């Protein structure tokens, strides 16, 4: 359940543990959430890379999305569930 936060220009925040949060706040940055039930959030223009795993850790899917005002919101945590990027609970 760790958290990785980055605020620098072109930086990467990456997590791989269970129920972790990756957060990217700097311009042109990436938040990578690669663990089981992990979440990612970012500032406007940042990229979120989300992995979906089963409870045994097997990789099921990976998706990426850019934070914008039409598809998703800045500062909101997202997760990958059933192959879809959804707002984390």
PDB file of N, CA and C in Angstrom:
ATOM      1  N   UNK A   1       0.789  -1.189   0.000  1.00  0.00           N
ATOM      2  CA  UNK A   1       0.000   0.000   0.000  1.00  0.00           C
ATOM      3  C   UNK A   1       0.837   1.261   0.000  1.00  0.00           C
ATOM      4  N   UNK A   2       1.860   1.347  -0.814  1.00  0.00           N
ATOM      5  CA  UNK A   2       2.724   2.535  -0.830  1.00  0.00           C
ATOM      6  C   UNK A   2       2.190   3.590  -1.794  1.00  0.00           C
ATOM      7  N   UNK A   3       2.802   4.770  -1.727  1.00  0.00           N
ATOM      8  CA  UNK A   3       2.433   5.879  -2.597  1.00  0.00           C
ATOM      9  C   UNK A   3       3.689   6.451  -3.224  1.00  0.00           C
ATOM     10  N   UNK A   4       3.639   6.726  -4.530  1.00  0.00           N
ATOM     11  CA  UNK A   4       4.738   7.398  -5.229  1.00  0.00           C
ATOM     12  C   UNK A   4       4.171   8.673  -5.843  1.00  0.00           C
ATOM     13  N   UNK A   5       4.793   9.793  -5.513  1.00  0.00           N
ATOM     14  CA  UNK A   5       4.340  11.088  -6.017  1.00  0.00           C
ATOM     15  C   UNK A   5       5.509  11.781  -6.685  1.00  0.00           C
ATOM     16  N   UNK A   6       5.243  12.390  -7.836  1.00  0.00           N
ATOM     17  CA  UNK A   6       6.269  13.141  -8.529  1.00  0.00           C
ATOM     18  C   UNK A   6       5.717  14.509  -8.888  1.00  0.00           C
ATOM     19  N   UNK A   7       6.531  15.529  -8.773  1.00  0.00           N
ATOM     20  CA  UNK A   7       6.093  16.881  -9.080  1.00  0.00           C
ATOM     21  C   UNK A   7       6.968  17.567 -10.122  1.00  0.00           C
ATOM     22  N   UNK A   8       8.033  16.938 -10.539  1.00  0.00           N
ATOM     23  CA  UNK A   8       8.970  17.550 -11.481  1.00  0.00           C
ATOM     24  C   UNK A   8       8.539  17.440 -12.931  1.00  0.00           C
ATOM     25  N   UNK A   9       9.120  18.259 -13.755  1.00  0.00           N
ATOM     26  CA  UNK A   9       8.902  18.279 -15.190  1.00  0.00           C
ATOM     27  C   UNK A   9       9.404  16.976 -15.810  1.00  0.00           C
ATOM     28  N   UNK A  10       8.554  16.321 -16.615  1.00  0.00           N
ATOM     29  CA  UNK A  10       8.886  15.072 -17.315  1.00  0.00           C
ATOM     30  C   UNK A  10       9.280  13.944 -16.368  1.00  0.00           C
ATOM     31  N   UNK A  11       8.653  13.838 -15.244  1.00  0.00           N
ATOM     32  CA  UNK A  11       9.008  12.817 -14.266  1.00  0.00           C
ATOM     33  C   UNK A  11       8.056  11.626 -14.321  1.00  0.00           C
ATOM     34  N   UNK A  12       8.427  10.545 -13.626  1.00  0.00           N
ATOM     35  CA  UNK A  12       7.643   9.313 -13.594  1.00  0.00           C
ATOM     36  C   UNK A  12       7.470   8.860 -12.150  1.00  0.00           C
ATOM     37  N   UNK A  13       6.223   8.592 -11.778  1.00  0.00           N
ATOM     38  CA  UNK A  13       5.924   7.978 -10.483  1.00  0.00           C
ATOM     39  C   UNK A  13       5.435   6.575 -10.786  1.00  0.00           C
ATOM     40  N   UNK A  14       6.095   5.569 -10.222  1.00  0.00           N
ATOM     41  CA  UNK A  14       5.736   4.182 -10.524  1.00  0.00           C
ATOM     42  C   UNK A  14       5.551   3.386  -9.242  1.00  0.00           C
ATOM     43  N   UNK A  15       4.499   2.576  -9.208  1.00  0.00           N
ATOM     44  CA  UNK A  15       4.253   1.676  -8.084  1.00  0.00           C
ATOM     45  C   UNK A  15       3.979   0.285  -8.632  1.00  0.00           C
ATOM     46  N   UNK A  16       4.331  -0.722  -7.851  1.00  0.00           N
ATOM     47  CA  UNK A  16       4.084  -2.094  -8.309  1.00  0.00           C
ATOM     48  C   UNK A  16       3.459  -2.963  -7.234  1.00  0.00           C
ATOM     49  N   UNK A  17       3.309  -2.456  -6.038  1.00  0.00           N
ATOM     50  CA  UNK A  17       2.736  -3.242  -4.950  1.00  0.00           C
ATOM     51  C   UNK A  17       1.222  -3.254  -4.953  1.00  0.00           C
ATOM     52  N   UNK A  18       0.669  -4.049  -4.065  1.00  0.00           N
ATOM     53  CA  UNK A  18      -0.775  -4.183  -3.948  1.00  0.00           C
ATOM     54  C   UNK A  18      -1.385  -2.918  -3.350  1.00  0.00           C
ATOM     55  N   UNK A  19      -2.456  -2.434  -3.970  1.00  0.00           N
ATOM     56  CA  UNK A  19      -3.222  -1.264  -3.522  1.00  0.00           C
ATOM     57  C   UNK A  19      -2.374  -0.007  -3.377  1.00  0.00           C
ATOM     58  N   UNK A  20      -1.446   0.209  -4.291  1.00  0.00           N
ATOM     59  CA  UNK A  20      -0.587   1.388  -4.267  1.00  0.00           C
ATOM     60  C   UNK A  20      -1.207   2.531  -5.068  1.00  0.00           C
ATOM     61  N   UNK A  21      -0.686   3.733  -4.842  1.00  0.00           N
ATOM     62  CA  UNK A  21      -1.142   4.913  -5.574  1.00  0.00           C
ATOM     63  C   UNK A  21       0.064   5.582  -6.216  1.00  0.00           C
ATOM     64  N   UNK A  22      -0.031   5.885  -7.514  1.00  0.00           N
ATOM     65  CA  UNK A  22       0.987   6.657  -8.216  1.00  0.00           C
ATOM     66  C   UNK A  22       0.355   7.987  -8.610  1.00  0.00           C
ATOM     67  N   UNK A  23       1.066   9.087  -8.362  1.00  0.00           N
ATOM     68  CA  UNK A  23       0.524  10.411  -8.629  1.00  0.00           C
ATOM     69  C   UNK A  23       1.549  11.255  -9.360  1.00  0.00           C
ATOM     70  N   UNK A  24       1.150  11.835 -10.492  1.00  0.00           N
ATOM     71  CA  UNK A  24       2.031  12.681 -11.298  1.00  0.00           C
ATOM     72  C   UNK A  24       1.459  14.090 -11.333  1.00  0.00           C
ATOM     73  N   UNK A  25       2.231  15.046 -10.855  1.00  0.00           N
ATOM     74  CA  UNK A  25       1.766  16.428 -10.785  1.00  0.00           C
ATOM     75  C   UNK A  25       2.542  17.364 -11.700  1.00  0.00           C
ATOM     76  N   UNK A  26       3.711  16.945 -12.171  1.00  0.00           N
ATOM     77  CA  UNK A  26       4.539  17.805 -13.021  1.00  0.00           C
ATOM     78  C   UNK A  26       4.137  17.729 -14.487  1.00  0.00           C
ATOM     79  N   UNK A  27       4.424  18.794 -15.211  1.00  0.00           N
ATOM     80  CA  UNK A  27       4.104  18.858 -16.627  1.00  0.00           C
ATOM     81  C   UNK A  27       4.808  17.737 -17.407  1.00  0.00           C
ATOM     82  N   UNK A  28       4.095  17.093 -18.315  1.00  0.00           N
ATOM     83  CA  UNK A  28       4.607  16.006 -19.161  1.00  0.00           C
ATOM     84  C   UNK A  28       5.073  14.798 -18.345  1.00  0.00           C
ATOM     85  N   UNK A  29       4.379  14.497 -17.262  1.00  0.00           N
ATOM     86  CA  UNK A  29       4.764  13.393 -16.381  1.00  0.00           C
ATOM     87  C   UNK A  29       3.852  12.187 -16.555  1.00  0.00           C
ATOM     88  N   UNK A  30       4.278  11.063 -15.964  1.00  0.00           N
ATOM     89  CA  UNK A  30       3.556   9.797 -16.069  1.00  0.00           C
ATOM     90  C   UNK A  30       3.375   9.215 -14.671  1.00  0.00           C
ATOM     91  N   UNK A  31       2.166   8.716 -14.406  1.00  0.00           N
ATOM     92  CA  UNK A  31       1.897   7.952 -13.188  1.00  0.00           C
ATOM     93  C   UNK A  31       1.621   6.518 -13.617  1.00  0.00           C
ATOM     94  N   UNK A  32       2.444   5.584 -13.156  1.00  0.00           N
ATOM     95  CA  UNK A  32       2.337   4.181 -13.529  1.00  0.00           C
ATOM     96  C   UNK A  32       1.925   3.362 -12.303  1.00  0.00           C
ATOM     97  N   UNK A  33       0.756   2.742 -12.389  1.00  0.00           N
ATOM     98  CA  UNK A  33       0.251   1.885 -11.311  1.00  0.00           C
ATOM     99  C   UNK A  33       0.217   0.459 -11.843  1.00  0.00           C
ATOM    100  N   UNK A  34       1.175  -0.357 -11.404  1.00  0.00           N
ATOM    101  CA  UNK A  34       1.333  -1.681 -11.969  1.00  0.00           C
ATOM    102  C   UNK A  34       0.924  -2.839 -11.085  1.00  0.00           C
ATOM    103  N   UNK A  35       0.495  -2.579  -9.861  1.00  0.00           N
ATOM    104  CA  UNK A  35       0.174  -3.658  -8.929  1.00  0.00           C
ATOM    105  C   UNK A  35      -1.311  -3.977  -8.847  1.00  0.00           C
ATOM    106  N   UNK A  36      -1.618  -5.030  -8.135  1.00  0.00           N
ATOM    107  CA  UNK A  36      -2.999  -5.472  -7.919  1.00  0.00           C
ATOM    108  C   UNK A  36      -3.781  -4.386  -7.179  1.00  0.00           C
ATOM    109  N   UNK A  37      -4.927  -4.008  -7.720  1.00  0.00           N
ATOM    110  CA  UNK A  37      -5.809  -2.991  -7.148  1.00  0.00           C
ATOM    111  C   UNK A  37      -5.127  -1.632  -6.967  1.00  0.00           C
ATOM    112  N   UNK A  38      -4.154  -1.331  -7.802  1.00  0.00           N
ATOM    113  CA  UNK A  38      -3.450  -0.051  -7.719  1.00  0.00           C
ATOM    114  C   UNK A  38      -4.233   1.046  -8.426  1.00  0.00           C
ATOM    115  N   UNK A  39      -3.876   2.297  -8.095  1.00  0.00           N
ATOM    116  CA  UNK A  39      -4.561   3.458  -8.645  1.00  0.00           C
ATOM    117  C   UNK A  39      -3.528   4.484  -9.100  1.00  0.00           C
ATOM    118  N   UNK A  40      -3.951   5.323 -10.047  1.00  0.00           N
ATOM    119  CA  UNK A  40      -3.092   6.417 -10.505  1.00  0.00           C
ATOM    120  C   UNK A  40      -3.924   7.678 -10.669  1.00  0.00           C
ATOM    121  N   UNK A  41      -3.262   8.813 -10.429  1.00  0.00           N
ATOM    122  CA  UNK A  41      -3.915  10.101 -10.661  1.00  0.00           C
ATOM    123  C   UNK A  41      -2.864  11.069 -11.168  1.00  0.00           C
ATOM    124  N   UNK A  42      -3.330  12.121 -11.845  1.00  0.00           N
ATOM    125  CA  UNK A  42      -2.374  13.073 -12.380  1.00  0.00           C
ATOM    126  C   UNK A  42      -2.986  14.422 -12.650  1.00  0.00           C
ATOM    127  N   UNK A  43      -2.119  15.389 -12.874  1.00  0.00           N
ATOM    128  CA  UNK A  43      -2.529  16.738 -13.237  1.00  0.00           C
ATOM    129  C   UNK A  43      -2.939  16.751 -14.713  1.00  0.00           C
ATOM    130  N   UNK A  44      -3.616  17.798 -15.107  1.00  0.00           N
ATOM    131  CA  UNK A  44      -4.046  17.972 -16.479  1.00  0.00           C
ATOM    132  C   UNK A  44      -2.853  17.829 -17.427  1.00  0.00           C
ATOM    133  N   UNK A  45      -2.981  16.974 -18.440  1.00  0.00           N
ATOM    134  CA  UNK A  45      -1.920  16.757 -19.419  1.00  0.00           C
ATOM    135  C   UNK A  45      -0.989  15.607 -19.110  1.00  0.00           C
ATOM    136  N   UNK A  46      -1.020  15.102 -17.883  1.00  0.00           N
ATOM    137  CA  UNK A  46      -0.178  13.954 -17.524  1.00  0.00           C
ATOM    138  C   UNK A  46      -0.786  12.668 -18.074  1.00  0.00           C
ATOM    139  N   UNK A  47       0.030  11.642 -18.140  1.00  0.00           N
ATOM    140  CA  UNK A  47      -0.431  10.321 -18.580  1.00  0.00           C
ATOM    141  C   UNK A  47      -0.558   9.381 -17.397  1.00  0.00           C
ATOM    142  N   UNK A  48      -1.602   8.554 -17.423  1.00  0.00           N
ATOM    143  CA  UNK A  48      -1.795   7.493 -16.440  1.00  0.00           C
ATOM    144  C   UNK A  48      -1.633   6.167 -17.151  1.00  0.00           C
ATOM    145  N   UNK A  49      -0.798   5.297 -16.619  1.00  0.00           N
ATOM    146  CA  UNK A  49      -0.615   3.946 -17.155  1.00  0.00           C
ATOM    147  C   UNK A  49      -1.077   2.990 -16.064  1.00  0.00           C
ATOM    148  N   UNK A  50      -2.081   2.185 -16.385  1.00  0.00           N
ATOM    149  CA  UNK A  50      -2.713   1.317 -15.394  1.00  0.00           C
ATOM    150  C   UNK A  50      -2.631  -0.139 -15.822  1.00  0.00           C
ATOM    151  N   UNK A  51      -2.249  -0.980 -14.884  1.00  0.00           N
ATOM    152  CA  UNK A  51      -2.214  -2.427 -15.131  1.00  0.00           C
ATOM    153  C   UNK A  51      -3.333  -3.084 -14.328  1.00  0.00           C
ATOM    154  N   UNK A  52      -3.932  -4.095 -14.905  1.00  0.00           N
ATOM    155  CA  UNK A  52      -4.930  -4.893 -14.189  1.00  0.00           C
ATOM    156  C   UNK A  52      -4.337  -6.278 -13.956  1.00  0.00           C
ATOM    157  N   UNK A  53      -4.380  -6.710 -12.713  1.00  0.00           N
ATOM    158  CA  UNK A  53      -3.863  -8.028 -12.328  1.00  0.00           C
ATOM    159  C   UNK A  53      -4.935  -8.804 -11.593  1.00  0.00           C
ATOM    160  N   UNK A  54      -4.837 -10.125 -11.655  1.00  0.00           N
ATOM    161  CA  UNK A  54      -5.740 -10.928 -10.838  1.00  0.00           C
ATOM    162  C   UNK A  54      -5.172 -11.016  -9.424  1.00  0.00           C
ATOM    163  N   UNK A  55      -5.888 -11.629  -8.515  1.00  0.00           N
ATOM    164  CA  UNK A  55      -5.450 -11.643  -7.113  1.00  0.00           C
ATOM    165  C   UNK A  55      -4.175 -12.441  -6.881  1.00  0.00           C
ATOM    166  N   UNK A  56      -3.745 -13.207  -7.896  1.00  0.00           N
ATOM    167  CA  UNK A  56      -2.495 -13.965  -7.803  1.00  0.00           C
ATOM    168  C   UNK A  56      -1.326 -13.213  -8.433  1.00  0.00           C
ATOM    169  N   UNK A  57      -1.605 -12.046  -9.006  1.00  0.00           N
ATOM    170  CA  UNK A  57      -0.559 -11.217  -9.590  1.00  0.00           C
ATOM    171  C   UNK A  57      -0.363 -11.371 -11.079  1.00  0.00           C
ATOM    172  N   UNK A  58      -1.138 -12.249 -11.730  1.00  0.00           N
ATOM    173  CA  UNK A  58      -1.006 -12.415 -13.182  1.00  0.00           C
ATOM    174  C   UNK A  58      -1.521 -11.159 -13.897  1.00  0.00           C
ATOM    175  N   UNK A  59      -0.768 -10.685 -14.857  1.00  0.00           N
ATOM    176  CA  UNK A  59      -1.117  -9.487 -15.612  1.00  0.00           C
ATOM    177  C   UNK A  59      -2.251  -9.799 -16.582  1.00  0.00           C
ATOM    178  N   UNK A  60      -3.338  -9.031 -16.504  1.00  0.00           N
ATOM    179  CA  UNK A  60      -4.502  -9.241 -17.359  1.00  0.00           C
ATOM    180  C   UNK A  60      -4.586  -8.227 -18.489  1.00  0.00           C
ATOM    181  N   UNK A  61      -4.210  -6.973 -18.206  1.00  0.00           N
ATOM    182  CA  UNK A  61      -4.373  -5.920 -19.203  1.00  0.00           C
ATOM    183  C   UNK A  61      -3.564  -4.697 -18.780  1.00  0.00           C
ATOM    184  N   UNK A  62      -3.241  -3.845 -19.743  1.00  0.00           N
ATOM    185  CA  UNK A  62      -2.567  -2.575 -19.487  1.00  0.00           C
ATOM    186  C   UNK A  62      -3.198  -1.532 -20.397  1.00  0.00           C
ATOM    187  N   UNK A  63      -3.493  -0.371 -19.831  1.00  0.00           N
ATOM    188  CA  UNK A  63      -4.068   0.735 -20.607  1.00  0.00           C
ATOM    189  C   UNK A  63      -3.403   2.044 -20.198  1.00  0.00           C
ATOM    190  N   UNK A  64      -3.424   2.998 -21.106  1.00  0.00           N
ATOM    191  CA  UNK A  64      -2.903   4.330 -20.820  1.00  0.00           C
ATOM    192  C   UNK A  64      -3.922   5.370 -21.269  1.00  0.00           C
ATOM    193  N   UNK A  65      -3.955   6.475 -20.529  1.00  0.00           N
ATOM    194  CA  UNK A  65      -4.865   7.566 -20.866  1.00  0.00           C
ATOM    195  C   UNK A  65      -4.224   8.884 -20.460  1.00  0.00           C
ATOM    196  N   UNK A  66      -4.472   9.903 -21.228  1.00  0.00           N
ATOM    197  CA  UNK A  66      -3.982  11.242 -20.887  1.00  0.00           C
ATOM    198  C   UNK A  66      -5.062  11.963 -20.088  1.00  0.00           C
ATOM    199  N   UNK A  67      -4.671  12.630 -19.024  1.00  0.00           N
ATOM    200  CA  UNK A  67      -5.623  13.369 -18.197  1.00  0.00           C
ATOM    201  C   UNK A  67      -6.063  14.618 -18.965  1.00  0.00           C
ATOM    202  N   UNK A  68      -7.368  14.737 -19.170  1.00  0.00           N
ATOM    203  CA  UNK A  68      -7.934  15.895 -19.860  1.00  0.00           C
ATOM    204  C   UNK A  68      -9.277  16.232 -19.219  1.00  0.00           C
ATOM    205  N   UNK A  69      -9.953  17.196 -19.733  1.00  0.00           N
ATOM    206  CA  UNK A  69     -11.229  17.593 -19.132  1.00  0.00           C
ATOM    207  C   UNK A  69     -12.423  16.870 -19.731  1.00  0.00           C
ATOM    208  N   UNK A  70     -12.226  16.127 -20.812  1.00  0.00           N
ATOM    209  CA  UNK A  70     -13.335  15.445 -21.472  1.00  0.00           C
ATOM    210  C   UNK A  70     -13.477  13.986 -21.031  1.00  0.00           C
ATOM    211  N   UNK A  71     -12.359  13.274 -20.869  1.00  0.00           N
ATOM    212  CA  UNK A  71     -12.391  11.847 -20.574  1.00  0.00           C
ATOM    213  C   UNK A  71     -12.274  11.550 -19.089  1.00  0.00           C
ATOM    214  N   UNK A  72     -11.397  12.241 -18.416  1.00  0.00           N
ATOM    215  CA  UNK A  72     -11.148  12.014 -16.992  1.00  0.00           C
ATOM    216  C   UNK A  72     -10.719  13.321 -16.350  1.00  0.00           C
ATOM    217  N   UNK A  73     -10.639  13.338 -15.048  1.00  0.00           N
ATOM    218  CA  UNK A  73     -10.388  14.579 -14.327  1.00  0.00           C
ATOM    219  C   UNK A  73      -9.044  14.588 -13.612  1.00  0.00           C
ATOM    220  N   UNK A  74      -8.427  15.753 -13.578  1.00  0.00           N
ATOM    221  CA  UNK A  74      -7.178  15.936 -12.850  1.00  0.00           C
ATOM    222  C   UNK A  74      -7.414  15.718 -11.363  1.00  0.00           C
ATOM    223  N   UNK A  75      -6.460  15.052 -10.708  1.00  0.00           N
ATOM    224  CA  UNK A  75      -6.536  14.844  -9.278  1.00  0.00           C
ATOM    225  C   UNK A  75      -7.458  13.731  -8.819  1.00  0.00           C
ATOM    226  N   UNK A  76      -8.110  13.057  -9.749  1.00  0.00           N
ATOM    227  CA  UNK A  76      -8.999  11.939  -9.421  1.00  0.00           C
ATOM    228  C   UNK A  76      -8.236  10.638  -9.645  1.00  0.00           C
ATOM    229  N   UNK A  77      -8.375   9.691  -8.730  1.00  0.00           N
ATOM    230  CA  UNK A  77      -7.693   8.398  -8.863  1.00  0.00           C
ATOM    231  C   UNK A  77      -8.484   7.474  -9.773  1.00  0.00           C
ATOM    232  N   UNK A  78      -7.744   6.785 -10.662  1.00  0.00           N
ATOM    233  CA  UNK A  78      -8.337   5.829 -11.591  1.00  0.00           C
ATOM    234  C   UNK A  78      -7.679   4.469 -11.429  1.00  0.00           C
ATOM    235  N   UNK A  79      -8.419   3.438 -11.788  1.00  0.00           N
ATOM    236  CA  UNK A  79      -7.916   2.075 -11.770  1.00  0.00           C
ATOM    237  C   UNK A  79      -8.391   1.376 -13.036  1.00  0.00           C
ATOM    238  N   UNK A  80      -7.812   0.225 -13.322  1.00  0.00           N
ATOM    239  CA  UNK A  80      -8.224  -0.569 -14.483  1.00  0.00           C
ATOM    240  C   UNK A  80      -9.021  -1.761 -13.979  1.00  0.00           C
ATOM    241  N   UNK A  81     -10.277  -1.840 -14.399  1.00  0.00           N
ATOM    242  CA  UNK A  81     -11.160  -2.916 -13.963  1.00  0.00           C
ATOM    243  C   UNK A  81     -11.897  -3.492 -15.166  1.00  0.00           C
ATOM    244  N   UNK A  82     -11.759  -4.786 -15.381  1.00  0.00           N
ATOM    245  CA  UNK A  82     -12.400  -5.462 -16.525  1.00  0.00           C
ATOM    246  C   UNK A  82     -12.024  -4.805 -17.843  1.00  0.00           C
ATOM    247  N   UNK A  83     -10.760  -4.363 -17.934  1.00  0.00           N
ATOM    248  CA  UNK A  83     -10.258  -3.777 -19.169  1.00  0.00           C
ATOM    249  C   UNK A  83     -10.671  -2.336 -19.411  1.00  0.00           C
ATOM    250  N   UNK A  84     -11.352  -1.711 -18.447  1.00  0.00           N
ATOM    251  CA  UNK A  84     -11.814  -0.333 -18.592  1.00  0.00           C
ATOM    252  C   UNK A  84     -11.186   0.545 -17.511  1.00  0.00           C
ATOM    253  N   UNK A  85     -10.817   1.741 -17.883  1.00  0.00           N
ATOM    254  CA  UNK A  85     -10.305   2.713 -16.923  1.00  0.00           C
ATOM    255  C   UNK A  85     -11.506   3.343 -16.231  1.00  0.00           C
ATOM    256  N   UNK A  86     -11.560   3.170 -14.905  1.00  0.00           N
ATOM    257  CA  UNK A  86     -12.698   3.664 -14.135  1.00  0.00           C
ATOM    258  C   UNK A  86     -12.190   4.442 -12.916  1.00  0.00           C
ATOM    259  N   UNK A  87     -13.042   5.314 -12.406  1.00  0.00           N
ATOM    260  CA  UNK A  87     -12.716   6.055 -11.201  1.00  0.00           C
ATOM    261  C   UNK A  87     -12.585   5.088 -10.039  1.00  0.00           C
ATOM    262  N   UNK A  88     -11.514   5.215  -9.283  1.00  0.00           N
ATOM    263  CA  UNK A  88     -11.265   4.329  -8.144  1.00  0.00           C
ATOM    264  C   UNK A  88     -12.207   4.686  -6.997  1.00  0.00           C
ATOM    265  N   UNK A  89     -12.565   3.679  -6.252  1.00  0.00           N
ATOM    266  CA  UNK A  89     -13.475   3.893  -5.119  1.00  0.00           C
ATOM    267  C   UNK A  89     -12.718   4.263  -3.874  1.00  0.00           C
TER     268      UNK A  89
END
